[in-house]
Amino acid sequence: MTVTTSEARATSERRGGEALLKNVATDFEAIFLEHWPRVYGVLVRLVGDHAEAEDLALETFWRLYQRDDVRELNLGGWLYRVASNLGLNALRGGKRREKYELTAGRWEVENYGGADPAEVAAENEERRQVRQILQDMNPRQARLLLLRHSGLTYQELAAALGVKTSSIGALLARAEKEFEERWRIIDP
């Protein structure tokens, strides 16, 4: 069996590529093992939650793994900068989430604070039934009802649906009739 020069070169390059992949994996593992405790420690102190710190540390190392220029980086500085940025972003996100949750809670108390639980349950069930009817209807008619209920004018409805303004009245009457017929089946 004769091996040509190009086949020998291809085999050599393939073996070299495999060795390079092994070196990259080995190098990354060494970097990970060396820097993990400090990166994780910084994040635990920053966010105050071990599970979140672990997730953020893993994200930091994942970002490092995706980089092509690892050898050109000041590795320690880069890792700590990325980790601290991820930690600070997580803290900001938590504050935003807390603000939204408090606002939603206040809204819930203001709107349903003194309401009878049975009434709230009935309202929720009615909303579910309306959504189901709209889902089962012709999409164009459902969209027309939703947009009209949202306060759009006939001109705005016509533009949104791509029809003449003069036809909106008839389309709306048909959609309302179909909705009423479906409602009567659910709530006789």
N, C-alpha and C. Protein backbone atom coordinates (compact mmCIF):
# COMPACT_ATOMS: atom_id res chain seq x y z
N MET A 1 0.85 -1.17 0.00
CA MET A 1 0.00 0.00 0.00
C MET A 1 0.89 1.23 0.00
N THR A 2 0.61 2.13 -0.91
CA THR A 2 1.39 3.34 -1.03
C THR A 2 0.59 4.51 -0.50
N VAL A 3 1.23 5.32 0.33
CA VAL A 3 0.57 6.50 0.87
C VAL A 3 1.16 7.72 0.18
N THR A 4 0.27 8.52 -0.37
CA THR A 4 0.75 9.72 -1.06
C THR A 4 1.11 10.79 -0.05
N THR A 5 1.86 11.76 -0.53
CA THR A 5 2.28 12.86 0.34
C THR A 5 1.09 13.64 0.86
N SER A 6 0.09 13.87 0.03
CA SER A 6 -1.09 14.63 0.46
C SER A 6 -1.90 13.85 1.50
N GLU A 7 -1.98 12.52 1.36
CA GLU A 7 -2.70 11.72 2.36
C GLU A 7 -1.96 11.74 3.69
N ALA A 8 -0.62 11.65 3.63
CA ALA A 8 0.18 11.69 4.85
C ALA A 8 0.03 13.04 5.54
N ARG A 9 0.02 14.12 4.75
CA ARG A 9 -0.15 15.47 5.31
C ARG A 9 -1.52 15.62 5.95
N ALA A 10 -2.57 15.10 5.29
CA ALA A 10 -3.93 15.19 5.83
C ALA A 10 -4.04 14.43 7.14
N THR A 11 -3.43 13.23 7.19
CA THR A 11 -3.46 12.44 8.42
C THR A 11 -2.73 13.19 9.53
N SER A 12 -1.59 13.76 9.19
CA SER A 12 -0.81 14.51 10.18
C SER A 12 -1.59 15.73 10.68
N GLU A 13 -2.24 16.45 9.77
CA GLU A 13 -3.02 17.62 10.16
C GLU A 13 -4.20 17.21 11.05
N ARG A 14 -4.84 16.08 10.71
CA ARG A 14 -5.96 15.61 11.50
C ARG A 14 -5.50 15.26 12.91
N ARG A 15 -4.39 14.56 13.01
CA ARG A 15 -3.84 14.22 14.33
C ARG A 15 -3.44 15.48 15.09
N GLY A 16 -2.88 16.44 14.36
CA GLY A 16 -2.50 17.71 15.00
C GLY A 16 -3.72 18.46 15.50
N GLY A 17 -4.82 18.41 14.71
CA GLY A 17 -6.06 19.06 15.12
C GLY A 17 -6.66 18.40 16.34
N GLU A 18 -6.58 17.05 16.37
CA GLU A 18 -7.08 16.33 17.54
C GLU A 18 -6.25 16.67 18.77
N ALA A 19 -4.95 16.77 18.59
CA ALA A 19 -4.07 17.14 19.71
C ALA A 19 -4.37 18.56 20.17
N LEU A 20 -4.63 19.45 19.22
CA LEU A 20 -4.97 20.83 19.58
C LEU A 20 -6.27 20.87 20.37
N LEU A 21 -7.29 20.09 19.93
CA LEU A 21 -8.55 20.04 20.66
C LEU A 21 -8.35 19.52 22.07
N LYS A 22 -7.51 18.48 22.20
CA LYS A 22 -7.23 17.95 23.54
C LYS A 22 -6.52 19.00 24.38
N ASN A 23 -5.58 19.74 23.76
CA ASN A 23 -4.87 20.79 24.50
C ASN A 23 -5.82 21.89 24.94
N VAL A 24 -6.74 22.29 24.06
CA VAL A 24 -7.69 23.34 24.41
C VAL A 24 -8.56 22.88 25.57
N ALA A 25 -9.06 21.64 25.50
CA ALA A 25 -9.90 21.12 26.58
C ALA A 25 -9.10 21.02 27.88
N THR A 26 -7.86 20.53 27.78
CA THR A 26 -7.01 20.41 28.96
C THR A 26 -6.69 21.78 29.52
N ASP A 27 -6.35 22.72 28.64
CA ASP A 27 -6.05 24.09 29.08
C ASP A 27 -7.26 24.72 29.76
N PHE A 28 -8.43 24.55 29.14
CA PHE A 28 -9.63 25.14 29.72
C PHE A 28 -9.93 24.53 31.08
N GLU A 29 -9.76 23.22 31.19
CA GLU A 29 -10.00 22.56 32.46
C GLU A 29 -9.05 23.08 33.53
N ALA A 30 -7.80 23.28 33.17
CA ALA A 30 -6.81 23.81 34.12
C ALA A 30 -7.19 25.23 34.55
N ILE A 31 -7.60 26.05 33.58
CA ILE A 31 -8.03 27.42 33.89
C ILE A 31 -9.25 27.39 34.81
N PHE A 32 -10.20 26.54 34.48
CA PHE A 32 -11.43 26.42 35.27
C PHE A 32 -11.10 26.04 36.72
N LEU A 33 -10.29 25.00 36.88
CA LEU A 33 -9.96 24.52 38.22
C LEU A 33 -9.18 25.57 39.02
N GLU A 34 -8.33 26.31 38.33
CA GLU A 34 -7.53 27.32 39.02
C GLU A 34 -8.37 28.52 39.46
N HIS A 35 -9.28 28.97 38.61
CA HIS A 35 -9.99 30.23 38.87
C HIS A 35 -11.39 30.06 39.47
N TRP A 36 -11.97 28.86 39.39
CA TRP A 36 -13.34 28.66 39.88
C TRP A 36 -13.54 29.13 41.31
N PRO A 37 -12.72 28.70 42.27
CA PRO A 37 -13.01 29.08 43.67
C PRO A 37 -13.08 30.59 43.88
N ARG A 38 -12.19 31.33 43.25
CA ARG A 38 -12.20 32.79 43.45
C ARG A 38 -13.36 33.46 42.72
N VAL A 39 -13.62 33.03 41.47
CA VAL A 39 -14.74 33.62 40.73
C VAL A 39 -16.05 33.33 41.46
N TYR A 40 -16.23 32.09 41.87
CA TYR A 40 -17.43 31.71 42.61
C TYR A 40 -17.53 32.49 43.92
N GLY A 41 -16.42 32.62 44.63
CA GLY A 41 -16.41 33.36 45.90
C GLY A 41 -16.80 34.82 45.73
N VAL A 42 -16.27 35.45 44.68
CA VAL A 42 -16.63 36.85 44.41
C VAL A 42 -18.13 36.96 44.17
N LEU A 43 -18.68 36.03 43.40
CA LEU A 43 -20.10 36.10 43.08
C LEU A 43 -20.99 35.79 44.28
N VAL A 44 -20.57 34.86 45.14
CA VAL A 44 -21.35 34.57 46.35
C VAL A 44 -21.42 35.83 47.22
N ARG A 45 -20.29 36.49 47.39
CA ARG A 45 -20.29 37.71 48.20
C ARG A 45 -21.13 38.82 47.55
N LEU A 46 -21.12 38.86 46.23
CA LEU A 46 -21.85 39.92 45.53
C LEU A 46 -23.35 39.69 45.55
N VAL A 47 -23.81 38.49 45.18
CA VAL A 47 -25.26 38.26 45.07
C VAL A 47 -25.86 37.65 46.32
N GLY A 48 -25.05 37.04 47.17
CA GLY A 48 -25.55 36.51 48.43
C GLY A 48 -26.36 35.23 48.32
N ASP A 49 -26.30 34.55 47.19
CA ASP A 49 -27.06 33.32 46.99
C ASP A 49 -26.15 32.32 46.30
N HIS A 50 -25.93 31.18 46.94
CA HIS A 50 -24.98 30.20 46.42
C HIS A 50 -25.41 29.64 45.05
N ALA A 51 -26.68 29.34 44.88
CA ALA A 51 -27.15 28.78 43.61
C ALA A 51 -27.02 29.79 42.48
N GLU A 52 -27.40 31.03 42.74
CA GLU A 52 -27.28 32.06 41.71
C GLU A 52 -25.81 32.34 41.40
N ALA A 53 -24.96 32.35 42.43
CA ALA A 53 -23.53 32.57 42.22
C ALA A 53 -22.95 31.45 41.35
N GLU A 54 -23.38 30.23 41.58
CA GLU A 54 -22.89 29.11 40.77
C GLU A 54 -23.32 29.27 39.32
N ASP A 55 -24.57 29.64 39.10
CA ASP A 55 -25.05 29.86 37.73
C ASP A 55 -24.25 30.97 37.04
N LEU A 56 -24.01 32.04 37.76
CA LEU A 56 -23.27 33.16 37.17
C LEU A 56 -21.82 32.80 36.91
N ALA A 57 -21.22 32.02 37.79
CA ALA A 57 -19.84 31.59 37.58
C ALA A 57 -19.76 30.67 36.35
N LEU A 58 -20.72 29.78 36.22
CA LEU A 58 -20.75 28.92 35.04
C LEU A 58 -20.92 29.74 33.77
N GLU A 59 -21.77 30.76 33.82
CA GLU A 59 -21.95 31.65 32.67
C GLU A 59 -20.64 32.36 32.34
N THR A 60 -19.90 32.77 33.35
CA THR A 60 -18.61 33.43 33.14
C THR A 60 -17.66 32.51 32.40
N PHE A 61 -17.54 31.27 32.86
CA PHE A 61 -16.63 30.33 32.21
C PHE A 61 -17.13 29.91 30.83
N TRP A 62 -18.43 29.87 30.66
CA TRP A 62 -18.98 29.57 29.33
C TRP A 62 -18.58 30.66 28.34
N ARG A 63 -18.66 31.90 28.77
CA ARG A 63 -18.25 33.01 27.90
C ARG A 63 -16.77 32.93 27.56
N LEU A 64 -15.97 32.52 28.53
CA LEU A 64 -14.54 32.34 28.28
C LEU A 64 -14.34 31.21 27.26
N TYR A 65 -15.04 30.13 27.42
CA TYR A 65 -14.89 28.98 26.53
C TYR A 65 -15.24 29.34 25.09
N GLN A 66 -16.16 30.25 24.91
CA GLN A 66 -16.60 30.64 23.57
C GLN A 66 -15.62 31.58 22.87
N ARG A 67 -14.69 32.13 23.60
CA ARG A 67 -13.75 33.10 23.02
C ARG A 67 -12.64 32.38 22.26
N ASP A 68 -12.19 33.01 21.20
CA ASP A 68 -11.09 32.46 20.41
C ASP A 68 -9.74 33.02 20.88
N ASP A 69 -9.75 34.16 21.53
CA ASP A 69 -8.51 34.84 21.88
C ASP A 69 -8.13 34.68 23.35
N VAL A 70 -8.35 33.50 23.90
CA VAL A 70 -8.11 33.27 25.33
C VAL A 70 -6.66 33.52 25.68
N ARG A 71 -5.75 33.14 24.82
CA ARG A 71 -4.32 33.30 25.12
C ARG A 71 -3.90 34.77 25.17
N GLU A 72 -4.66 35.64 24.55
CA GLU A 72 -4.33 37.06 24.51
C GLU A 72 -4.93 37.84 25.68
N LEU A 73 -5.76 37.21 26.49
CA LEU A 73 -6.44 37.89 27.58
C LEU A 73 -5.59 37.94 28.83
N ASN A 74 -5.83 38.96 29.64
CA ASN A 74 -5.37 38.95 31.02
C ASN A 74 -6.44 38.14 31.73
N LEU A 75 -6.21 36.86 31.85
CA LEU A 75 -7.24 35.91 32.22
C LEU A 75 -7.93 36.24 33.53
N GLY A 76 -7.16 36.45 34.58
CA GLY A 76 -7.77 36.75 35.88
C GLY A 76 -8.62 38.00 35.83
N GLY A 77 -8.09 39.05 35.25
CA GLY A 77 -8.83 40.31 35.14
C GLY A 77 -10.11 40.16 34.33
N TRP A 78 -10.00 39.44 33.22
CA TRP A 78 -11.17 39.26 32.36
C TRP A 78 -12.24 38.47 33.10
N LEU A 79 -11.85 37.39 33.75
CA LEU A 79 -12.83 36.56 34.47
C LEU A 79 -13.54 37.35 35.57
N TYR A 80 -12.78 38.12 36.34
CA TYR A 80 -13.40 38.85 37.45
C TYR A 80 -14.26 40.00 36.94
N ARG A 81 -13.85 40.63 35.84
CA ARG A 81 -14.66 41.71 35.26
C ARG A 81 -15.99 41.15 34.76
N VAL A 82 -15.93 40.04 34.02
CA VAL A 82 -17.16 39.44 33.49
C VAL A 82 -18.04 38.96 34.64
N ALA A 83 -17.44 38.30 35.62
CA ALA A 83 -18.21 37.78 36.76
C ALA A 83 -18.88 38.92 37.52
N SER A 84 -18.13 39.98 37.78
CA SER A 84 -18.73 41.09 38.54
C SER A 84 -19.81 41.79 37.73
N ASN A 85 -19.63 41.92 36.42
CA ASN A 85 -20.68 42.52 35.59
C ASN A 85 -21.94 41.65 35.60
N LEU A 86 -21.77 40.33 35.48
CA LEU A 86 -22.93 39.43 35.53
C LEU A 86 -23.62 39.52 36.89
N GLY A 87 -22.83 39.59 37.96
CA GLY A 87 -23.41 39.70 39.30
C GLY A 87 -24.18 40.99 39.49
N LEU A 88 -23.59 42.09 39.04
CA LEU A 88 -24.29 43.39 39.17
C LEU A 88 -25.57 43.40 38.34
N ASN A 89 -25.51 42.83 37.14
CA ASN A 89 -26.72 42.75 36.31
C ASN A 89 -27.79 41.91 36.98
N ALA A 90 -27.39 40.83 37.63
CA ALA A 90 -28.35 39.99 38.35
C ALA A 90 -28.98 40.76 39.50
N LEU A 91 -28.18 41.56 40.21
CA LEU A 91 -28.74 42.35 41.30
C LEU A 91 -29.74 43.39 40.78
N ARG A 92 -29.38 44.05 39.68
CA ARG A 92 -30.30 45.03 39.09
C ARG A 92 -31.58 44.36 38.64
N GLY A 93 -31.44 43.20 38.00
CA GLY A 93 -32.62 42.46 37.54
C GLY A 93 -33.51 42.05 38.70
N GLY A 94 -32.90 41.67 39.81
CA GLY A 94 -33.68 41.30 41.00
C GLY A 94 -34.45 42.48 41.55
N LYS A 95 -33.82 43.66 41.55
CA LYS A 95 -34.50 44.86 42.05
C LYS A 95 -35.67 45.24 41.12
N ARG A 96 -35.43 45.12 39.82
CA ARG A 96 -36.53 45.42 38.87
C ARG A 96 -37.67 44.43 39.07
N ARG A 97 -37.33 43.15 39.20
CA ARG A 97 -38.36 42.12 39.39
C ARG A 97 -39.13 42.38 40.67
N GLU A 98 -38.42 42.74 41.74
CA GLU A 98 -39.07 43.03 43.01
C GLU A 98 -40.03 44.21 42.87
N LYS A 99 -39.59 45.24 42.14
CA LYS A 99 -40.44 46.42 41.93
C LYS A 99 -41.72 46.03 41.17
N TYR A 100 -41.57 45.21 40.11
CA TYR A 100 -42.73 44.78 39.34
C TYR A 100 -43.67 43.93 40.18
N GLU A 101 -43.10 43.05 40.99
CA GLU A 101 -43.93 42.19 41.82
C GLU A 101 -44.68 42.99 42.87
N LEU A 102 -44.02 43.99 43.46
CA LEU A 102 -44.71 44.84 44.44
C LEU A 102 -45.83 45.64 43.79
N THR A 103 -45.55 46.17 42.60
CA THR A 103 -46.57 46.92 41.87
C THR A 103 -47.75 46.03 41.53
N ALA A 104 -47.48 44.83 41.08
CA ALA A 104 -48.57 43.89 40.75
C ALA A 104 -49.34 43.51 42.00
N GLY A 105 -48.64 43.33 43.11
CA GLY A 105 -49.31 43.00 44.36
C GLY A 105 -50.22 44.12 44.83
N ARG A 106 -49.72 45.36 44.74
CA ARG A 106 -50.55 46.52 45.11
C ARG A 106 -51.78 46.60 44.23
N TRP A 107 -51.60 46.41 42.93
CA TRP A 107 -52.72 46.46 42.00
C TRP A 107 -53.74 45.39 42.36
N GLU A 108 -53.27 44.21 42.68
CA GLU A 108 -54.16 43.10 43.04
C GLU A 108 -54.96 43.45 44.29
N VAL A 109 -54.29 44.02 45.29
CA VAL A 109 -54.98 44.38 46.54
C VAL A 109 -55.99 45.49 46.29
N GLU A 110 -55.60 46.49 45.49
CA GLU A 110 -56.51 47.61 45.21
C GLU A 110 -57.74 47.15 44.44
N ASN A 111 -57.56 46.22 43.51
CA ASN A 111 -58.68 45.80 42.69
C ASN A 111 -59.48 44.64 43.27
N TYR A 112 -58.84 43.80 44.06
CA TYR A 112 -59.53 42.63 44.57
C TYR A 112 -59.41 42.48 46.08
N GLY A 113 -58.85 43.49 46.76
CA GLY A 113 -58.60 43.39 48.20
C GLY A 113 -59.85 43.08 49.01
N GLY A 114 -60.95 43.76 48.74
CA GLY A 114 -62.17 43.53 49.50
C GLY A 114 -63.17 42.67 48.78
N ALA A 115 -62.79 42.13 47.63
CA ALA A 115 -63.72 41.35 46.83
C ALA A 115 -63.95 39.98 47.43
N ASP A 116 -65.12 39.51 47.17
CA ASP A 116 -65.50 38.17 47.60
C ASP A 116 -64.74 37.16 46.74
N PRO A 117 -64.09 36.18 47.34
CA PRO A 117 -63.34 35.20 46.56
C PRO A 117 -64.19 34.48 45.51
N ALA A 118 -65.45 34.27 45.82
CA ALA A 118 -66.33 33.62 44.85
C ALA A 118 -66.54 34.51 43.63
N GLU A 119 -66.65 35.83 43.86
CA GLU A 119 -66.80 36.76 42.74
C GLU A 119 -65.54 36.79 41.88
N VAL A 120 -64.39 36.81 42.52
CA VAL A 120 -63.12 36.81 41.79
C VAL A 120 -63.00 35.54 40.95
N ALA A 121 -63.36 34.41 41.54
CA ALA A 121 -63.30 33.14 40.81
C ALA A 121 -64.26 33.15 39.62
N ALA A 122 -65.44 33.71 39.82
CA ALA A 122 -66.42 33.78 38.73
C ALA A 122 -65.91 34.68 37.60
N GLU A 123 -65.30 35.81 37.95
CA GLU A 123 -64.74 36.71 36.94
C GLU A 123 -63.61 36.03 36.16
N ASN A 124 -62.77 35.32 36.87
CA ASN A 124 -61.67 34.61 36.20
C ASN A 124 -62.21 33.54 35.26
N GLU A 125 -63.25 32.84 35.68
CA GLU A 125 -63.85 31.81 34.84
C GLU A 125 -64.49 32.44 33.60
N GLU A 126 -65.12 33.58 33.77
CA GLU A 126 -65.74 34.27 32.63
C GLU A 126 -64.66 34.71 31.63
N ARG A 127 -63.54 35.23 32.14
CA ARG A 127 -62.43 35.62 31.25
C ARG A 127 -61.91 34.41 30.48
N ARG A 128 -61.78 33.28 31.17
CA ARG A 128 -61.30 32.07 30.53
C ARG A 128 -62.25 31.65 29.40
N GLN A 129 -63.56 31.74 29.66
CA GLN A 129 -64.55 31.36 28.65
C GLN A 129 -64.50 32.31 27.45
N VAL A 130 -64.36 33.59 27.71
CA VAL A 130 -64.27 34.57 26.61
C VAL A 130 -63.04 34.27 25.76
N ARG A 131 -61.91 34.01 26.41
CA ARG A 131 -60.69 33.68 25.65
C ARG A 131 -60.88 32.42 24.82
N GLN A 132 -61.56 31.44 25.36
CA GLN A 132 -61.80 30.20 24.63
C GLN A 132 -62.69 30.46 23.42
N ILE A 133 -63.73 31.25 23.59
CA ILE A 133 -64.61 31.57 22.46
C ILE A 133 -63.82 32.30 21.38
N LEU A 134 -63.05 33.29 21.77
CA LEU A 134 -62.25 34.04 20.78
C LEU A 134 -61.26 33.13 20.06
N GLN A 135 -60.69 32.19 20.77
CA GLN A 135 -59.75 31.26 20.18
C GLN A 135 -60.44 30.36 19.15
N ASP A 136 -61.67 29.99 19.41
CA ASP A 136 -62.41 29.09 18.52
C ASP A 136 -63.02 29.82 17.32
N MET A 137 -63.14 31.14 17.40
CA MET A 137 -63.75 31.93 16.32
C MET A 137 -62.79 32.08 15.14
N ASN A 138 -63.33 32.54 14.04
CA ASN A 138 -62.52 32.93 12.89
C ASN A 138 -61.51 33.98 13.37
N PRO A 139 -60.23 33.81 13.07
CA PRO A 139 -59.22 34.74 13.59
C PRO A 139 -59.48 36.21 13.24
N ARG A 140 -59.98 36.46 12.05
CA ARG A 140 -60.25 37.84 11.65
C ARG A 140 -61.37 38.44 12.49
N GLN A 141 -62.42 37.65 12.75
CA GLN A 141 -63.53 38.16 13.56
C GLN A 141 -63.09 38.35 15.01
N ALA A 142 -62.30 37.42 15.53
CA ALA A 142 -61.80 37.56 16.90
C ALA A 142 -60.93 38.81 17.03
N ARG A 143 -60.04 39.02 16.05
CA ARG A 143 -59.18 40.20 16.07
C ARG A 143 -60.02 41.47 16.00
N LEU A 144 -61.07 41.47 15.19
CA LEU A 144 -61.95 42.63 15.07
C LEU A 144 -62.61 42.95 16.41
N LEU A 145 -63.12 41.93 17.08
CA LEU A 145 -63.76 42.15 18.39
C LEU A 145 -62.75 42.67 19.42
N LEU A 146 -61.57 42.08 19.44
CA LEU A 146 -60.55 42.52 20.40
C LEU A 146 -60.15 43.97 20.16
N LEU A 147 -59.93 44.32 18.90
CA LEU A 147 -59.52 45.69 18.59
C LEU A 147 -60.63 46.70 18.88
N ARG A 148 -61.86 46.33 18.58
CA ARG A 148 -62.98 47.23 18.86
C ARG A 148 -63.15 47.40 20.36
N HIS A 149 -63.03 46.30 21.10
CA HIS A 149 -63.13 46.36 22.56
C HIS A 149 -62.00 47.21 23.16
N SER A 150 -60.88 47.28 22.45
CA SER A 150 -59.75 48.09 22.91
C SER A 150 -59.94 49.57 22.60
N GLY A 151 -61.02 49.91 21.89
CA GLY A 151 -61.34 51.31 21.67
C GLY A 151 -60.98 51.86 20.32
N LEU A 152 -60.59 51.01 19.36
CA LEU A 152 -60.24 51.51 18.03
C LEU A 152 -61.49 52.00 17.29
N THR A 153 -61.30 53.03 16.50
CA THR A 153 -62.39 53.57 15.68
C THR A 153 -62.58 52.69 14.44
N TYR A 154 -63.66 52.93 13.72
CA TYR A 154 -63.90 52.17 12.51
C TYR A 154 -62.76 52.36 11.51
N GLN A 155 -62.26 53.58 11.40
CA GLN A 155 -61.15 53.86 10.47
C GLN A 155 -59.90 53.06 10.89
N GLU A 156 -59.61 53.03 12.17
CA GLU A 156 -58.44 52.29 12.66
C GLU A 156 -58.62 50.78 12.47
N LEU A 157 -59.86 50.32 12.69
CA LEU A 157 -60.14 48.90 12.47
C LEU A 157 -59.94 48.53 11.00
N ALA A 158 -60.44 49.38 10.11
CA ALA A 158 -60.31 49.13 8.68
C ALA A 158 -58.84 49.06 8.28
N ALA A 159 -58.04 49.99 8.80
CA ALA A 159 -56.60 49.99 8.49
C ALA A 159 -55.92 48.74 9.04
N ALA A 160 -56.30 48.34 10.25
CA ALA A 160 -55.67 47.17 10.88
C ALA A 160 -56.02 45.88 10.15
N LEU A 161 -57.24 45.79 9.63
CA LEU A 161 -57.69 44.56 8.97
C LEU A 161 -57.50 44.59 7.46
N GLY A 162 -57.17 45.77 6.93
CA GLY A 162 -56.97 45.89 5.49
C GLY A 162 -58.26 45.81 4.69
N VAL A 163 -59.34 46.42 5.22
CA VAL A 163 -60.63 46.44 4.53
C VAL A 163 -61.12 47.88 4.43
N LYS A 164 -62.22 48.07 3.71
CA LYS A 164 -62.81 49.41 3.59
C LYS A 164 -63.51 49.78 4.89
N THR A 165 -63.48 51.04 5.22
CA THR A 165 -64.14 51.52 6.43
C THR A 165 -65.64 51.24 6.38
N SER A 166 -66.21 51.32 5.20
CA SER A 166 -67.66 51.11 5.06
C SER A 166 -68.07 49.66 5.36
N SER A 167 -67.15 48.72 5.32
CA SER A 167 -67.51 47.33 5.58
C SER A 167 -67.33 46.93 7.05
N ILE A 168 -66.77 47.80 7.86
CA ILE A 168 -66.50 47.46 9.26
C ILE A 168 -67.79 47.20 10.03
N GLY A 169 -68.80 47.98 9.82
CA GLY A 169 -70.06 47.80 10.55
C GLY A 169 -70.64 46.41 10.35
N ALA A 170 -70.70 45.95 9.10
CA ALA A 170 -71.25 44.62 8.81
C ALA A 170 -70.35 43.53 9.39
N LEU A 171 -69.03 43.69 9.24
CA LEU A 171 -68.11 42.69 9.78
C LEU A 171 -68.21 42.60 11.30
N LEU A 172 -68.34 43.76 11.92
CA LEU A 172 -68.45 43.80 13.37
C LEU A 172 -69.76 43.17 13.84
N ALA A 173 -70.86 43.43 13.13
CA ALA A 173 -72.15 42.85 13.49
C ALA A 173 -72.10 41.32 13.39
N ARG A 174 -71.46 40.79 12.32
CA ARG A 174 -71.34 39.35 12.17
C ARG A 174 -70.48 38.75 13.28
N ALA A 175 -69.39 39.41 13.61
CA ALA A 175 -68.50 38.91 14.66
C ALA A 175 -69.20 38.91 16.01
N GLU A 176 -69.94 39.98 16.30
CA GLU A 176 -70.66 40.04 17.58
C GLU A 176 -71.74 38.97 17.64
N LYS A 177 -72.41 38.73 16.52
CA LYS A 177 -73.46 37.71 16.49
C LYS A 177 -72.87 36.32 16.75
N GLU A 178 -71.74 36.02 16.09
CA GLU A 178 -71.10 34.72 16.31
C GLU A 178 -70.65 34.57 17.76
N PHE A 179 -70.09 35.64 18.33
CA PHE A 179 -69.64 35.57 19.72
C PHE A 179 -70.83 35.29 20.64
N GLU A 180 -71.94 36.02 20.42
CA GLU A 180 -73.12 35.83 21.26
C GLU A 180 -73.67 34.41 21.15
N GLU A 181 -73.69 33.86 19.94
CA GLU A 181 -74.18 32.49 19.75
C GLU A 181 -73.30 31.50 20.51
N ARG A 182 -72.00 31.67 20.44
CA ARG A 182 -71.08 30.77 21.15
C ARG A 182 -71.20 30.97 22.67
N TRP A 183 -71.45 32.19 23.08
CA TRP A 183 -71.60 32.46 24.52
C TRP A 183 -72.83 31.78 25.08
N ARG A 184 -73.92 31.81 24.31
CA ARG A 184 -75.17 31.18 24.77
C ARG A 184 -75.00 29.68 24.93
N ILE A 185 -74.16 29.07 24.14
CA ILE A 185 -73.92 27.63 24.28
C ILE A 185 -73.22 27.35 25.60
N ILE A 186 -72.27 28.19 25.97
CA ILE A 186 -71.52 27.99 27.21
C ILE A 186 -72.34 28.39 28.43
N ASP A 187 -73.03 29.51 28.33
CA ASP A 187 -73.76 30.08 29.49
C ASP A 187 -75.22 30.28 29.11
N PRO A 188 -76.03 29.21 29.13
CA PRO A 188 -77.44 29.33 28.67
C PRO A 188 -78.30 30.16 29.56
